[in-house]
């Protein structure tokens, strides 16, 4: 499963970065993004799945490869 962050939908709540800090961070403007060097296919991790559920606007998602 690939991790996707819809930056146009993101409101910067930071729930993904709080839930899965080894995968997500926030940029200088406060919007979510994957940590540099993290593979997008890390979606099989339980904390990533929880981050998807925790996003209040659905900006973080998992997609089949």
PDB file of N, CA and C in Angstrom:
ATOM      1  N   UNK A   1       0.838  -1.181   0.000  1.00  0.00           N
ATOM      2  CA  UNK A   1       0.000   0.000   0.000  1.00  0.00           C
ATOM      3  C   UNK A   1       0.886   1.248   0.000  1.00  0.00           C
ATOM      4  N   UNK A   2       0.565   2.164  -0.867  1.00  0.00           N
ATOM      5  CA  UNK A   2       1.289   3.428  -0.944  1.00  0.00           C
ATOM      6  C   UNK A   2       0.602   4.482  -0.076  1.00  0.00           C
ATOM      7  N   UNK A   3       1.413   5.304   0.571  1.00  0.00           N
ATOM      8  CA  UNK A   3       0.906   6.403   1.387  1.00  0.00           C
ATOM      9  C   UNK A   3       0.776   7.630   0.507  1.00  0.00           C
ATOM     10  N   UNK A   4      -0.355   8.319   0.644  1.00  0.00           N
ATOM     11  CA  UNK A   4      -0.565   9.548  -0.115  1.00  0.00           C
ATOM     12  C   UNK A   4      -0.996  10.659   0.845  1.00  0.00           C
ATOM     13  N   UNK A   5      -0.476  11.852   0.620  1.00  0.00           N
ATOM     14  CA  UNK A   5      -0.888  13.032   1.371  1.00  0.00           C
ATOM     15  C   UNK A   5      -1.403  14.055   0.369  1.00  0.00           C
ATOM     16  N   UNK A   6      -2.680  14.385   0.476  1.00  0.00           N
ATOM     17  CA  UNK A   6      -3.291  15.381  -0.399  1.00  0.00           C
ATOM     18  C   UNK A   6      -3.029  16.754   0.221  1.00  0.00           C
ATOM     19  N   UNK A   7      -2.026  17.439  -0.290  1.00  0.00           N
ATOM     20  CA  UNK A   7      -1.607  18.712   0.289  1.00  0.00           C
ATOM     21  C   UNK A   7      -2.658  19.806   0.088  1.00  0.00           C
ATOM     22  N   UNK A   8      -3.525  19.663  -0.874  1.00  0.00           N
ATOM     23  CA  UNK A   8      -4.584  20.652  -1.059  1.00  0.00           C
ATOM     24  C   UNK A   8      -5.699  20.476  -0.035  1.00  0.00           C
ATOM     25  N   UNK A   9      -5.865  19.274   0.468  1.00  0.00           N
ATOM     26  CA  UNK A   9      -6.884  18.991   1.471  1.00  0.00           C
ATOM     27  C   UNK A   9      -6.354  19.196   2.889  1.00  0.00           C
ATOM     28  N   UNK A  10      -5.057  19.040   3.081  1.00  0.00           N
ATOM     29  CA  UNK A  10      -4.433  19.118   4.403  1.00  0.00           C
ATOM     30  C   UNK A  10      -4.684  20.484   5.043  1.00  0.00           C
ATOM     31  N   UNK A  11      -5.044  20.468   6.336  1.00  0.00           N
ATOM     32  CA  UNK A  11      -5.254  21.706   7.091  1.00  0.00           C
ATOM     33  C   UNK A  11      -4.185  21.901   8.156  1.00  0.00           C
ATOM     34  N   UNK A  12      -3.224  20.978   8.224  1.00  0.00           N
ATOM     35  CA  UNK A  12      -2.123  21.121   9.169  1.00  0.00           C
ATOM     36  C   UNK A  12      -2.458  20.736  10.596  1.00  0.00           C
ATOM     37  N   UNK A  13      -3.436  19.859  10.787  1.00  0.00           N
ATOM     38  CA  UNK A  13      -3.792  19.433  12.135  1.00  0.00           C
ATOM     39  C   UNK A  13      -2.656  18.666  12.806  1.00  0.00           C
ATOM     40  N   UNK A  14      -1.841  17.985  12.021  1.00  0.00           N
ATOM     41  CA  UNK A  14      -0.676  17.289  12.552  1.00  0.00           C
ATOM     42  C   UNK A  14      -0.942  15.941  13.177  1.00  0.00           C
ATOM     43  N   UNK A  15      -2.142  15.422  13.026  1.00  0.00           N
ATOM     44  CA  UNK A  15      -2.460  14.125  13.630  1.00  0.00           C
ATOM     45  C   UNK A  15      -1.601  13.006  13.049  1.00  0.00           C
ATOM     46  N   UNK A  16      -1.274  13.081  11.772  1.00  0.00           N
ATOM     47  CA  UNK A  16      -0.439  12.037  11.169  1.00  0.00           C
ATOM     48  C   UNK A  16       0.961  12.062  11.777  1.00  0.00           C
ATOM     49  N   UNK A  17       1.525  13.251  11.942  1.00  0.00           N
ATOM     50  CA  UNK A  17       2.871  13.375  12.509  1.00  0.00           C
ATOM     51  C   UNK A  17       2.889  12.968  13.985  1.00  0.00           C
ATOM     52  N   UNK A  18       1.819  13.221  14.697  1.00  0.00           N
ATOM     53  CA  UNK A  18       1.731  12.800  16.095  1.00  0.00           C
ATOM     54  C   UNK A  18       1.547  11.290  16.216  1.00  0.00           C
ATOM     55  N   UNK A  19       0.791  10.714  15.290  1.00  0.00           N
ATOM     56  CA  UNK A  19       0.475   9.286  15.352  1.00  0.00           C
ATOM     57  C   UNK A  19       1.611   8.420  14.824  1.00  0.00           C
ATOM     58  N   UNK A  20       2.233   8.828  13.741  1.00  0.00           N
ATOM     59  CA  UNK A  20       3.315   8.047  13.120  1.00  0.00           C
ATOM     60  C   UNK A  20       4.511   8.960  12.838  1.00  0.00           C
ATOM     61  N   UNK A  21       5.211   9.405  13.894  1.00  0.00           N
ATOM     62  CA  UNK A  21       6.303  10.368  13.713  1.00  0.00           C
ATOM     63  C   UNK A  21       7.509   9.823  12.954  1.00  0.00           C
ATOM     64  N   UNK A  22       7.594   8.517  12.799  1.00  0.00           N
ATOM     65  CA  UNK A  22       8.689   7.936  12.019  1.00  0.00           C
ATOM     66  C   UNK A  22       8.418   7.997  10.516  1.00  0.00           C
ATOM     67  N   UNK A  23       7.202   8.382  10.153  1.00  0.00           N
ATOM     68  CA  UNK A  23       6.809   8.393   8.743  1.00  0.00           C
ATOM     69  C   UNK A  23       6.444   9.803   8.267  1.00  0.00           C
ATOM     70  N   UNK A  24       5.735  10.568   9.109  1.00  0.00           N
ATOM     71  CA  UNK A  24       5.226  11.878   8.715  1.00  0.00           C
ATOM     72  C   UNK A  24       5.921  13.008   9.465  1.00  0.00           C
ATOM     73  N   UNK A  25       5.927  14.163   8.832  1.00  0.00           N
ATOM     74  CA  UNK A  25       6.390  15.396   9.452  1.00  0.00           C
ATOM     75  C   UNK A  25       5.507  16.514   8.929  1.00  0.00           C
ATOM     76  N   UNK A  26       5.768  17.729   9.381  1.00  0.00           N
ATOM     77  CA  UNK A  26       5.072  18.888   8.855  1.00  0.00           C
ATOM     78  C   UNK A  26       6.105  19.839   8.264  1.00  0.00           C
ATOM     79  N   UNK A  27       5.755  20.415   7.122  1.00  0.00           N
ATOM     80  CA  UNK A  27       6.689  21.336   6.472  1.00  0.00           C
ATOM     81  C   UNK A  27       6.683  22.687   7.187  1.00  0.00           C
ATOM     82  N   UNK A  28       7.414  23.639   6.664  1.00  0.00           N
ATOM     83  CA  UNK A  28       7.529  24.957   7.299  1.00  0.00           C
ATOM     84  C   UNK A  28       6.195  25.690   7.396  1.00  0.00           C
ATOM     85  N   UNK A  29       5.251  25.344   6.539  1.00  0.00           N
ATOM     86  CA  UNK A  29       3.930  25.958   6.571  1.00  0.00           C
ATOM     87  C   UNK A  29       2.944  25.175   7.435  1.00  0.00           C
ATOM     88  N   UNK A  30       3.400  24.058   8.014  1.00  0.00           N
ATOM     89  CA  UNK A  30       2.556  23.261   8.898  1.00  0.00           C
ATOM     90  C   UNK A  30       1.782  22.157   8.218  1.00  0.00           C
ATOM     91  N   UNK A  31       2.007  21.955   6.923  1.00  0.00           N
ATOM     92  CA  UNK A  31       1.274  20.914   6.205  1.00  0.00           C
ATOM     93  C   UNK A  31       2.034  19.594   6.241  1.00  0.00           C
ATOM     94  N   UNK A  32       1.290  18.526   6.244  1.00  0.00           N
ATOM     95  CA  UNK A  32       1.873  17.193   6.382  1.00  0.00           C
ATOM     96  C   UNK A  32       2.607  16.751   5.129  1.00  0.00           C
ATOM     97  N   UNK A  33       3.645  15.971   5.358  1.00  0.00           N
ATOM     98  CA  UNK A  33       4.393  15.352   4.273  1.00  0.00           C
ATOM     99  C   UNK A  33       5.129  14.142   4.826  1.00  0.00           C
ATOM    100  N   UNK A  34       5.542  13.266   3.933  1.00  0.00           N
ATOM    101  CA  UNK A  34       6.345  12.119   4.343  1.00  0.00           C
ATOM    102  C   UNK A  34       7.740  12.600   4.701  1.00  0.00           C
ATOM    103  N   UNK A  35       8.331  11.970   5.679  1.00  0.00           N
ATOM    104  CA  UNK A  35       9.709  12.294   6.012  1.00  0.00           C
ATOM    105  C   UNK A  35      10.607  11.986   4.823  1.00  0.00           C
ATOM    106  N   UNK A  36      11.604  12.808   4.579  1.00  0.00           N
ATOM    107  CA  UNK A  36      12.519  12.533   3.473  1.00  0.00           C
ATOM    108  C   UNK A  36      13.142  11.146   3.610  1.00  0.00           C
ATOM    109  N   UNK A  37      13.192  10.443   2.509  1.00  0.00           N
ATOM    110  CA  UNK A  37      13.791   9.112   2.500  1.00  0.00           C
ATOM    111  C   UNK A  37      12.849   7.995   2.903  1.00  0.00           C
ATOM    112  N   UNK A  38      11.631   8.334   3.339  1.00  0.00           N
ATOM    113  CA  UNK A  38      10.664   7.290   3.703  1.00  0.00           C
ATOM    114  C   UNK A  38      10.001   6.773   2.440  1.00  0.00           C
ATOM    115  N   UNK A  39       9.968   5.478   2.262  1.00  0.00           N
ATOM    116  CA  UNK A  39       9.284   4.944   1.078  1.00  0.00           C
ATOM    117  C   UNK A  39       7.780   5.139   1.190  1.00  0.00           C
ATOM    118  N   UNK A  40       7.143   5.475   0.086  1.00  0.00           N
ATOM    119  CA  UNK A  40       5.691   5.661   0.103  1.00  0.00           C
ATOM    120  C   UNK A  40       4.970   4.341   0.358  1.00  0.00           C
ATOM    121  N   UNK A  41       5.658   3.226   0.166  1.00  0.00           N
ATOM    122  CA  UNK A  41       4.993   1.939   0.354  1.00  0.00           C
ATOM    123  C   UNK A  41       5.025   1.457   1.802  1.00  0.00           C
ATOM    124  N   UNK A  42       5.290   2.338   2.750  1.00  0.00           N
ATOM    125  CA  UNK A  42       5.316   1.971   4.172  1.00  0.00           C
ATOM    126  C   UNK A  42       3.913   1.871   4.755  1.00  0.00           C
ATOM    127  N   UNK A  43       2.907   1.849   3.910  1.00  0.00           N
ATOM    128  CA  UNK A  43       1.521   1.845   4.351  1.00  0.00           C
ATOM    129  C   UNK A  43       1.066   0.607   5.088  1.00  0.00           C
ATOM    130  N   UNK A  44       1.907  -0.415   5.170  1.00  0.00           N
ATOM    131  CA  UNK A  44       1.515  -1.623   5.878  1.00  0.00           C
ATOM    132  C   UNK A  44       1.769  -1.514   7.384  1.00  0.00           C
ATOM    133  N   UNK A  45       2.355  -0.427   7.849  1.00  0.00           N
ATOM    134  CA  UNK A  45       2.629  -0.254   9.265  1.00  0.00           C
ATOM    135  C   UNK A  45       1.344   0.122  10.013  1.00  0.00           C
ATOM    136  N   UNK A  46       1.093  -0.493  11.178  1.00  0.00           N
ATOM    137  CA  UNK A  46      -0.133  -0.198  11.928  1.00  0.00           C
ATOM    138  C   UNK A  46      -0.292   1.287  12.289  1.00  0.00           C
ATOM    139  N   UNK A  47       0.804   1.962  12.640  1.00  0.00           N
ATOM    140  CA  UNK A  47       0.680   3.373  12.997  1.00  0.00           C
ATOM    141  C   UNK A  47       0.331   4.240  11.791  1.00  0.00           C
ATOM    142  N   UNK A  48       0.742   3.832  10.609  1.00  0.00           N
ATOM    143  CA  UNK A  48       0.360   4.571   9.403  1.00  0.00           C
ATOM    144  C   UNK A  48      -1.133   4.418   9.162  1.00  0.00           C
ATOM    145  N   UNK A  49      -1.640   3.233   9.351  1.00  0.00           N
ATOM    146  CA  UNK A  49      -3.087   3.020   9.197  1.00  0.00           C
ATOM    147  C   UNK A  49      -3.867   3.852  10.215  1.00  0.00           C
ATOM    148  N   UNK A  50      -3.346   3.959  11.423  1.00  0.00           N
ATOM    149  CA  UNK A  50      -3.987   4.783  12.449  1.00  0.00           C
ATOM    150  C   UNK A  50      -3.923   6.261  12.063  1.00  0.00           C
ATOM    151  N   UNK A  51      -2.808   6.702  11.473  1.00  0.00           N
ATOM    152  CA  UNK A  51      -2.684   8.091  11.030  1.00  0.00           C
ATOM    153  C   UNK A  51      -3.716   8.415   9.951  1.00  0.00           C
ATOM    154  N   UNK A  52      -3.973   7.465   9.070  1.00  0.00           N
ATOM    155  CA  UNK A  52      -5.005   7.658   8.044  1.00  0.00           C
ATOM    156  C   UNK A  52      -6.356   7.874   8.718  1.00  0.00           C
ATOM    157  N   UNK A  53      -6.674   7.065   9.709  1.00  0.00           N
ATOM    158  CA  UNK A  53      -7.951   7.205  10.422  1.00  0.00           C
ATOM    159  C   UNK A  53      -8.009   8.495  11.233  1.00  0.00           C
ATOM    160  N   UNK A  54      -6.868   8.957  11.746  1.00  0.00           N
ATOM    161  CA  UNK A  54      -6.835  10.122  12.625  1.00  0.00           C
ATOM    162  C   UNK A  54      -6.937  11.453  11.876  1.00  0.00           C
ATOM    163  N   UNK A  55      -6.646  11.468  10.592  1.00  0.00           N
ATOM    164  CA  UNK A  55      -6.668  12.735   9.850  1.00  0.00           C
ATOM    165  C   UNK A  55      -8.099  13.274   9.808  1.00  0.00           C
ATOM    166  N   UNK A  56      -8.327  14.475  10.356  1.00  0.00           N
ATOM    167  CA  UNK A  56      -9.694  14.993  10.432  1.00  0.00           C
ATOM    168  C   UNK A  56     -10.304  15.386   9.096  1.00  0.00           C
ATOM    169  N   UNK A  57      -9.492  15.553   8.068  1.00  0.00           N
ATOM    170  CA  UNK A  57     -10.022  15.952   6.760  1.00  0.00           C
ATOM    171  C   UNK A  57      -9.770  14.920   5.672  1.00  0.00           C
ATOM    172  N   UNK A  58      -9.225  13.770   6.034  1.00  0.00           N
ATOM    173  CA  UNK A  58      -8.988  12.703   5.066  1.00  0.00           C
ATOM    174  C   UNK A  58      -7.887  13.008   4.067  1.00  0.00           C
ATOM    175  N   UNK A  59      -6.911  13.819   4.469  1.00  0.00           N
ATOM    176  CA  UNK A  59      -5.828  14.171   3.554  1.00  0.00           C
ATOM    177  C   UNK A  59      -4.790  13.058   3.417  1.00  0.00           C
ATOM    178  N   UNK A  60      -4.745  12.159   4.388  1.00  0.00           N
ATOM    179  CA  UNK A  60      -3.793  11.037   4.339  1.00  0.00           C
ATOM    180  C   UNK A  60      -4.564   9.799   3.933  1.00  0.00           C
ATOM    181  N   UNK A  61      -4.059   9.089   2.944  1.00  0.00           N
ATOM    182  CA  UNK A  61      -4.755   7.893   2.475  1.00  0.00           C
ATOM    183  C   UNK A  61      -3.770   6.822   2.064  1.00  0.00           C
ATOM    184  N   UNK A  62      -4.285   5.633   1.897  1.00  0.00           N
ATOM    185  CA  UNK A  62      -3.508   4.493   1.401  1.00  0.00           C
ATOM    186  C   UNK A  62      -4.120   4.057   0.082  1.00  0.00           C
ATOM    187  N   UNK A  63      -3.263   3.722  -0.856  1.00  0.00           N
ATOM    188  CA  UNK A  63      -3.734   3.293  -2.174  1.00  0.00           C
ATOM    189  C   UNK A  63      -2.969   2.048  -2.590  1.00  0.00           C
ATOM    190  N   UNK A  64      -3.655   1.162  -3.291  1.00  0.00           N
ATOM    191  CA  UNK A  64      -2.979  -0.012  -3.837  1.00  0.00           C
ATOM    192  C   UNK A  64      -1.924   0.422  -4.831  1.00  0.00           C
ATOM    193  N   UNK A  65      -0.863  -0.341  -4.884  1.00  0.00           N
ATOM    194  CA  UNK A  65       0.229  -0.030  -5.828  1.00  0.00           C
ATOM    195  C   UNK A  65      -0.190  -0.300  -7.232  1.00  0.00           C
TER     196      UNK A  65
END
